[in-house]
Protein backbone atom coordinates (compact mmCIF):
# COMPACT_ATOMS: atom_id res chain seq x y z
CA UNK A 1 0.00 0.00 0.00
CA UNK A 2 1.38 3.43 -0.93
CA UNK A 3 0.22 6.52 0.95
CA UNK A 4 0.85 10.18 0.17
CA UNK A 5 -0.61 13.45 1.37
CA UNK A 6 -2.15 14.30 -2.03
CA UNK A 7 -2.93 12.44 -5.25
CA UNK A 8 0.08 13.85 -7.12
CA UNK A 9 2.24 14.55 -4.06
CA UNK A 10 5.97 13.91 -3.88
CA UNK A 11 7.15 11.69 -1.03
CA UNK A 12 5.19 8.52 -0.17
CA UNK A 13 5.13 5.98 2.62
CA UNK A 14 5.07 2.36 1.52
CA UNK A 15 3.31 0.02 3.96
CA UNK A 16 3.96 -3.73 3.62
CA UNK A 17 1.38 -5.86 5.43
CA UNK A 18 2.40 -9.38 6.47
CA UNK A 19 -0.38 -11.23 8.22
CA UNK A 20 -1.48 -9.80 11.55
CA UNK A 21 1.88 -8.18 12.34
CA UNK A 22 2.39 -4.41 12.30
CA UNK A 23 3.06 -3.19 8.75
CA UNK A 24 6.65 -2.52 7.69
CA UNK A 25 7.24 1.07 6.54
CA UNK A 26 9.54 2.31 3.81
CA UNK A 27 9.94 5.93 2.74
CA UNK A 28 10.00 6.85 -0.95
CA UNK A 29 11.17 10.29 -2.05
CA UNK A 30 8.85 10.36 -5.09
CA UNK A 31 5.25 9.40 -5.81
CA UNK A 32 4.91 5.62 -6.25
CA UNK A 33 3.31 4.89 -9.61
CA UNK A 34 3.21 1.08 -9.48
CA UNK A 35 3.89 -1.74 -6.98
CA UNK A 36 4.74 -5.42 -7.38
CA UNK A 37 5.82 -8.15 -4.94
CA UNK A 38 7.97 -11.25 -5.43
CA UNK A 39 9.03 -13.37 -2.45
CA UNK A 40 10.49 -11.05 0.17
CA UNK A 41 10.96 -8.11 -2.19
CA UNK A 42 8.64 -5.22 -3.00
CA UNK A 43 9.24 -3.34 -6.24
CA UNK A 44 8.10 0.26 -6.62
CA UNK A 45 8.09 2.40 -9.75
CA UNK A 46 9.08 5.93 -8.72
CA UNK A 47 9.06 8.40 -11.59
CA UNK A 48 11.51 6.71 -14.00
CA UNK A 49 13.20 4.34 -11.53
CA UNK A 50 12.51 0.84 -10.25
CA UNK A 51 13.32 0.62 -6.54
CA UNK A 52 13.45 -2.69 -4.68
CA UNK A 53 12.68 -2.81 -0.95
CA UNK A 54 13.07 -5.65 1.56
CA UNK A 55 9.52 -6.57 2.62
CA UNK A 56 10.64 -7.56 6.14
CA UNK A 57 12.71 -4.46 7.00
CA UNK A 58 11.68 -1.73 4.55
CA UNK A 59 15.32 -1.16 3.56
CA UNK A 60 16.12 -0.20 -0.01
CA UNK A 61 17.91 -3.08 -1.74
CA UNK A 62 18.56 -1.80 -5.25
CA UNK A 63 17.65 0.86 -7.77
CA UNK A 64 17.67 0.91 -11.59
CA UNK A 65 16.50 3.15 -14.43
CA UNK A 66 13.12 1.97 -15.73
CA UNK A 67 12.90 4.39 -18.67
CA UNK A 68 11.14 7.67 -19.31
CA UNK A 69 8.02 5.92 -20.68
CA UNK A 70 7.56 3.47 -17.74
CA UNK A 71 3.92 3.16 -16.64
CA UNK A 72 3.85 -0.06 -14.59
CA UNK A 73 6.05 -2.89 -13.29
CA UNK A 74 5.70 -6.61 -12.55
CA UNK A 75 8.47 -8.37 -10.63
CA UNK A 76 9.43 -11.68 -12.22
CA UNK A 77 11.81 -12.53 -9.36
CA UNK A 78 13.42 -10.77 -6.40
CA UNK A 79 15.97 -9.19 -8.75
CA UNK A 80 14.21 -8.75 -12.10
CA UNK A 81 11.10 -7.04 -13.40
CA UNK A 82 9.06 -6.44 -16.50
CA UNK A 83 8.49 -2.75 -17.22
CA UNK A 84 5.41 -1.71 -19.15
CA UNK A 85 6.36 1.23 -21.33
CA UNK A 86 4.22 3.25 -23.71
CA UNK A 87 5.07 1.12 -26.74
CA UNK A 88 6.85 -1.96 -25.36
CA UNK A 89 7.34 -4.34 -22.45
CA UNK A 90 10.98 -4.81 -21.47
CA UNK A 91 12.79 -6.99 -18.93
CA UNK A 92 15.01 -5.25 -16.39
CA UNK A 93 17.65 -7.10 -14.34
CA UNK A 94 18.28 -5.07 -11.18
CA UNK A 95 21.01 -6.91 -9.31
């Protein structure tokens, strides 16, 4: 779940819910456009970057350029994602 003060606001708080435990929080400096989860990793599309967070701790694991036309992401593993661009779908290996 991504929360921000306004619809098109800058910074967001990412909340990762795991059962009945308290949600894990991660701070994102930009508005989160898209989210995807694979295993213990949460992927977030922030502006033109794919950012991977650890679902258990909220720590940032990796960051990669997703492209200026990126609209959505789908993690295919804990280190790779498909990026939906305006005219193509591309695979991105993050780490």
